[in-house]
Protein backbone atom coordinates (compact mmCIF):
# COMPACT_ATOMS: atom_id res chain seq x y z
CA MET A 1 -61.19 10.31 20.44
CA ILE A 2 -60.97 11.51 16.87
CA VAL A 3 -57.69 11.21 14.96
CA VAL A 4 -57.23 13.91 12.32
CA GLN A 5 -54.83 13.71 9.39
CA ILE A 6 -55.77 16.81 7.45
CA ALA A 7 -53.40 19.41 5.99
CA ASP A 8 -56.00 22.19 5.72
CA ALA A 9 -56.03 24.22 8.97
CA GLN A 10 -59.63 25.37 8.52
CA ILE A 11 -60.87 21.81 8.14
CA ARG A 12 -58.94 20.74 11.24
CA ARG A 13 -60.64 23.59 13.08
CA ALA A 14 -64.01 22.40 11.81
CA VAL A 15 -63.30 18.88 13.10
CA ARG A 16 -62.51 20.29 16.55
CA ARG A 17 -65.77 22.21 16.53
CA ALA A 18 -67.77 19.18 15.37
CA ALA A 19 -66.22 16.82 17.94
CA HIS A 20 -67.97 16.00 21.20
CA PRO A 21 -66.71 18.18 24.09
CA GLU A 22 -65.79 15.06 26.08
CA GLU A 23 -63.30 13.72 23.57
CA ASP A 24 -59.76 14.39 22.42
CA VAL A 25 -59.02 15.46 18.86
CA ILE A 26 -55.54 14.17 18.03
CA GLU A 27 -53.78 16.23 15.35
CA ASP A 28 -50.14 16.02 16.44
CA ALA A 29 -48.27 13.92 13.87
CA ARG A 30 -46.08 12.53 16.65
CA LEU A 31 -49.10 11.15 18.52
CA ILE A 32 -51.19 9.89 15.60
CA PRO A 33 -49.37 6.52 15.14
CA GLU A 34 -49.66 5.80 18.88
CA ALA A 35 -53.32 6.86 18.96
CA VAL A 36 -54.18 4.54 16.06
CA GLU A 37 -52.13 1.55 17.24
CA TRP A 38 -52.50 1.76 21.03
CA GLY A 39 -55.56 3.94 21.60
CA PHE A 40 -59.26 3.44 21.07
CA PRO A 41 -60.34 6.10 18.53
CA ARG A 42 -63.98 6.27 17.47
CA LEU A 43 -63.19 7.91 14.11
CA ILE A 44 -60.25 8.78 11.85
CA VAL A 45 -60.63 11.79 9.56
CA ARG A 46 -58.03 12.17 6.82
CA ASP A 47 -57.44 13.67 3.41
CA GLN A 48 -56.09 11.97 0.31
CA TRP A 49 -52.55 13.25 0.63
CA VAL A 50 -51.46 12.05 4.05
CA ARG A 51 -49.44 8.96 4.88
CA ARG A 52 -52.00 6.37 6.00
CA PRO A 53 -51.15 4.06 8.91
CA SER A 54 -52.99 0.78 9.08
CA VAL A 55 -56.28 1.16 10.92
CA PRO A 56 -58.05 -1.45 13.09
CA PRO A 57 -61.05 -2.84 11.17
CA ALA A 58 -63.55 -1.65 13.79
CA VAL A 59 -62.54 2.03 13.49
CA PRO A 60 -64.49 4.06 10.89
CA VAL A 61 -62.45 6.21 8.51
CA LEU A 62 -63.77 9.41 6.93
CA GLU A 63 -61.72 10.34 3.85
CA LEU A 64 -62.16 13.89 2.57
CA ASP A 65 -60.96 13.96 -1.02
CA ASP A 66 -60.72 17.05 -3.21
CA GLY A 67 -63.98 16.22 -4.98
CA THR A 68 -65.93 16.12 -1.71
CA LEU A 69 -64.46 19.39 -0.51
CA ARG A 70 -65.08 21.15 -3.83
CA GLY A 71 -68.69 19.93 -3.74
CA TRP A 72 -69.16 21.31 -0.23
CA GLU A 73 -67.72 24.66 -1.28
CA SER A 74 -70.06 24.86 -4.28
CA GLU A 75 -73.06 24.04 -2.09
CA ARG A 76 -71.98 26.62 0.49
CA ARG A 77 -71.64 29.38 -2.08
CA ALA A 78 -75.06 28.51 -3.52
CA GLU A 79 -76.79 29.27 -0.21
CA PRO A 80 -78.76 32.58 -0.13
CA LEU A 81 -76.77 33.64 2.94
CA PRO A 82 -73.62 31.51 2.88
CA ALA A 83 -72.11 30.52 6.18
CA THR A 84 -68.38 30.84 6.64
CA ARG A 85 -66.34 27.96 5.30
CA VAL A 86 -65.53 26.75 8.81
CA GLU A 87 -69.17 26.91 9.92
CA TYR A 88 -70.43 25.07 6.84
CA THR A 89 -67.70 22.42 7.04
CA THR A 90 -68.43 21.95 10.76
CA MET A 91 -72.10 21.33 9.98
CA ARG A 92 -71.31 18.79 7.25
CA LEU A 93 -68.70 16.99 9.37
CA ALA A 94 -70.99 16.82 12.42
CA ALA A 95 -73.68 15.12 10.34
CA ILE A 96 -71.22 12.60 8.89
CA MET A 97 -69.70 11.90 12.31
CA ARG A 98 -73.13 11.07 13.72
CA GLN A 99 -73.72 8.64 10.84
CA SER A 100 -70.27 7.07 11.38
CA GLU A 101 -70.81 6.25 15.05
CA VAL A 102 -70.59 2.53 15.68
CA GLY A 103 -72.74 2.50 18.80
CA SER A 104 -71.78 2.03 22.42
CA THR A 105 -68.09 1.29 23.10
CA TRP A 106 -66.52 -0.27 26.18
CA ILE A 107 -65.61 3.26 27.27
CA ASP A 108 -69.23 4.39 27.07
CA ARG A 109 -70.24 1.33 29.07
CA ALA A 110 -67.53 1.93 31.70
CA LEU A 111 -68.68 5.51 32.25
CA ALA A 112 -72.31 4.38 32.39
CA ASP A 113 -71.39 1.73 34.98
CA LEU A 114 -69.67 4.40 37.09
CA ALA A 115 -72.76 6.61 36.88
CA ARG A 116 -74.95 3.72 38.08
CA ALA A 117 -72.55 2.92 40.90
CA SER A 118 -72.52 6.56 42.04
CA GLY A 119 -76.30 6.84 41.74
CA GLN A 120 -76.21 10.08 39.76
CA ARG A 121 -75.21 11.60 36.45
CA LEU A 122 -71.47 12.17 36.12
CA PRO A 123 -70.46 15.82 35.52
CA LEU A 124 -69.11 16.70 32.07
CA PRO A 125 -65.58 17.55 33.35
CA PHE A 126 -65.36 14.14 35.04
CA ARG A 127 -66.56 12.32 31.91
CA SER A 128 -64.12 14.36 29.81
CA PHE A 129 -61.23 13.45 32.12
CA GLY A 130 -62.21 9.78 32.18
CA ARG A 131 -62.87 9.44 28.46
CA ARG A 132 -59.50 10.91 27.55
CA VAL A 133 -57.63 8.50 29.82
CA LEU A 134 -59.70 5.46 28.79
CA GLU A 135 -59.47 6.19 25.06
CA PHE A 136 -55.71 6.82 25.08
CA PRO A 137 -54.20 5.23 28.22
CA TYR A 138 -50.92 4.65 26.37
CA HIS A 139 -50.49 8.45 26.24
CA TYR A 140 -52.05 9.49 29.55
CA THR A 141 -49.62 7.72 31.84
CA SER A 142 -48.91 10.81 33.94
CA LEU A 143 -50.35 14.25 34.69
CA HIS A 144 -48.13 16.02 32.17
CA PRO A 145 -50.21 15.25 29.04
CA LEU A 146 -53.44 15.91 30.93
CA ALA A 147 -52.19 19.28 32.12
CA SER A 148 -51.08 20.06 28.57
CA VAL A 149 -54.50 19.34 27.06
CA CYS A 150 -56.03 21.51 29.78
CA GLY A 151 -53.70 24.37 28.82
CA THR A 152 -52.05 24.50 32.24
CA SER A 153 -49.18 23.09 34.28
CA ARG A 154 -49.23 20.04 36.54
CA GLY A 155 -48.93 22.26 39.59
CA ALA A 156 -51.81 24.48 38.49
CA LEU A 157 -53.94 21.43 37.69
CA LYS A 158 -53.30 19.98 41.14
CA ALA A 159 -54.14 23.36 42.69
CA LYS A 160 -57.52 23.42 40.89
CA PHE A 161 -58.40 20.10 42.51
CA ARG A 162 -57.01 21.06 45.91
CA ARG A 163 -59.01 24.30 46.04
CA ARG A 164 -62.19 22.29 45.52
CA GLY A 165 -61.36 19.71 48.18
CA LEU A 166 -60.85 16.97 45.59
CA ASP A 167 -58.27 14.22 45.69
CA SER A 168 -55.25 14.75 43.47
CA PRO A 169 -55.90 14.39 39.73
CA SER A 170 -53.23 11.67 39.83
CA THR A 171 -55.58 9.59 41.96
CA TYR A 172 -58.34 9.77 39.35
CA LEU A 173 -55.81 9.14 36.56
CA ARG A 174 -54.64 5.92 38.22
CA TRP A 175 -58.21 4.74 38.81
CA PHE A 176 -59.18 5.23 35.17
CA ARG A 177 -56.06 3.37 34.07
CA ILE A 178 -57.08 0.53 36.40
CA LEU A 179 -60.53 0.43 34.77
CA ALA A 180 -58.80 0.16 31.39
CA VAL A 181 -56.72 -2.74 32.73
CA ALA A 182 -59.84 -4.55 33.93
CA SER A 183 -61.65 -4.01 30.65
CA LEU A 184 -58.80 -5.40 28.57
CA LEU A 185 -58.20 -8.34 30.88
CA SER A 186 -61.85 -9.34 30.63
CA ASP A 187 -60.62 -10.93 27.39
CA ARG A 188 -59.24 -14.16 28.87
CA SER A 189 -56.98 -14.69 25.83
CA LEU A 190 -55.04 -11.47 26.52
CA THR A 191 -51.96 -11.83 28.69
CA VAL A 192 -51.06 -9.35 31.41
CA ALA A 193 -47.90 -8.46 29.47
CA ALA A 194 -49.94 -7.68 26.33
CA ALA A 195 -52.37 -5.53 28.33
CA ALA A 196 -49.47 -3.67 29.94
CA ARG A 197 -47.96 -2.91 26.53
CA ARG A 198 -51.29 -1.72 25.13
CA LEU A 199 -51.91 0.57 28.09
CA GLY A 200 -48.48 2.17 28.32
CA PHE A 201 -47.08 0.40 31.39
CA THR A 202 -43.33 -0.16 31.29
CA SER A 203 -43.80 -3.78 32.35
CA ASP A 204 -46.44 -6.23 33.49
CA GLY A 205 -44.90 -5.97 36.96
CA ASN A 206 -45.67 -2.23 37.07
CA LEU A 207 -49.25 -2.94 36.01
CA CYS A 208 -49.65 -5.49 38.80
CA ARG A 209 -48.16 -3.12 41.37
CA MET A 210 -50.51 -0.26 40.41
CA LEU A 211 -53.47 -2.62 40.51
CA ALA A 212 -52.49 -3.81 43.97
CA ASP A 213 -51.68 -0.33 45.31
CA VAL A 214 -54.80 1.41 43.97
CA ALA A 215 -57.45 -1.29 44.22
CA GLY A 216 -55.91 -4.05 46.32
CA MET A 217 -56.59 -6.60 43.57
CA THR A 218 -54.73 -8.95 41.25
CA PRO A 219 -55.07 -9.33 37.46
CA THR A 220 -56.85 -12.66 37.99
CA GLU A 221 -59.47 -10.99 40.18
CA VAL A 222 -60.23 -8.12 37.79
CA ARG A 223 -60.73 -10.47 34.84
CA LEU A 224 -64.05 -11.55 36.33
CA LEU A 225 -67.34 -9.64 36.52
CA PRO A 226 -67.32 -9.58 40.36
CA GLY A 227 -63.87 -7.97 40.14
CA TRP A 228 -65.16 -5.26 37.79
CA ASN A 229 -68.09 -4.57 40.14
CA ARG A 230 -65.74 -4.40 43.11
CA LEU A 231 -63.60 -1.84 41.26
CA LEU A 232 -66.62 0.33 40.51
CA ILE A 233 -67.91 0.22 44.09
CA THR A 234 -64.50 0.96 45.60
CA PHE A 235 -63.88 3.85 43.19
CA THR A 236 -67.25 5.46 43.84
CA TRP A 237 -67.21 4.96 47.61
CA THR A 238 -63.72 6.41 48.04
CA HIS A 239 -63.57 9.17 45.42
CA LEU A 240 -67.02 9.84 43.89
CA GLY A 241 -69.31 10.86 46.71
CA PRO A 242 -71.91 13.63 46.23
CA ASP A 243 -69.50 16.35 47.42
CA ALA A 244 -66.78 15.15 45.05
CA LEU A 245 -69.12 15.09 42.05
CA GLU A 246 -70.37 18.57 42.92
CA ALA A 247 -66.77 19.76 43.03
CA TRP A 248 -66.07 18.10 39.68
CA ALA A 249 -69.03 19.97 38.17
CA SER A 250 -67.32 23.24 39.07
CA LEU A 251 -64.37 22.34 36.83
CA ASP A 252 -66.43 23.27 33.78
CA ASP A 253 -63.55 25.05 32.01
CA LEU A 254 -61.07 22.19 32.43
CA PHE A 255 -61.13 20.95 28.84
CA GLU A 256 -62.14 24.05 26.89
CA ARG A 257 -61.13 23.85 23.22
CA ARG A 258 -59.18 27.06 23.27
CA SER A 259 -57.96 26.64 19.70
CA ALA A 260 -61.39 25.84 18.24
């Protein structure tokens, strides 16, 4: 997830183009504070004029001041065949984003663990679905925001899955939220109530009920490595067989960046 606090529409467009297709690009001013405080962004891109919320120390921040942007524009115009401003800015941002990456995150590791448990590479639409939920579980508590980012309605999203013989997208949403619960609770110092607040549950009781209903486990069980492995095996055996992953691969237009 990339959080963008940029006034210039063309630069925001360039960020969307430079971002990885699996990840969200959060531009909505109403969501930015939640994404920074409760989500797990890999990068914050902002200009010098925006209000700046406090940022967790582990999250890189790319600040685009007027001097940097003027320098890019001068370099672009000096090219024998100048690219468009959006194309040139996309190229420069993509290079900086690669340099700003902090290495593997818990989300990368969770998706890699799922791939190992399933015995095959996970399709891009599945990884895109999972990464969005894992990086911003506080926001993705229901199908409504997922349908919105897919440019469709909840009913149409469910129909896409049903036509392919897949379980409801709500099933996968709940499982990814459970994986987020297990990852946070692997920190023994974190209480169940604190994890529930971070992940968007209305109470620790609701977190415990979802954990029991979906995985048949308790918070104490998922804190341990055997609990994490049990979650992975149960998820893959029940919802990620070869036919399901093949069906997921056919959802290749699910997260198209229509505005990019």
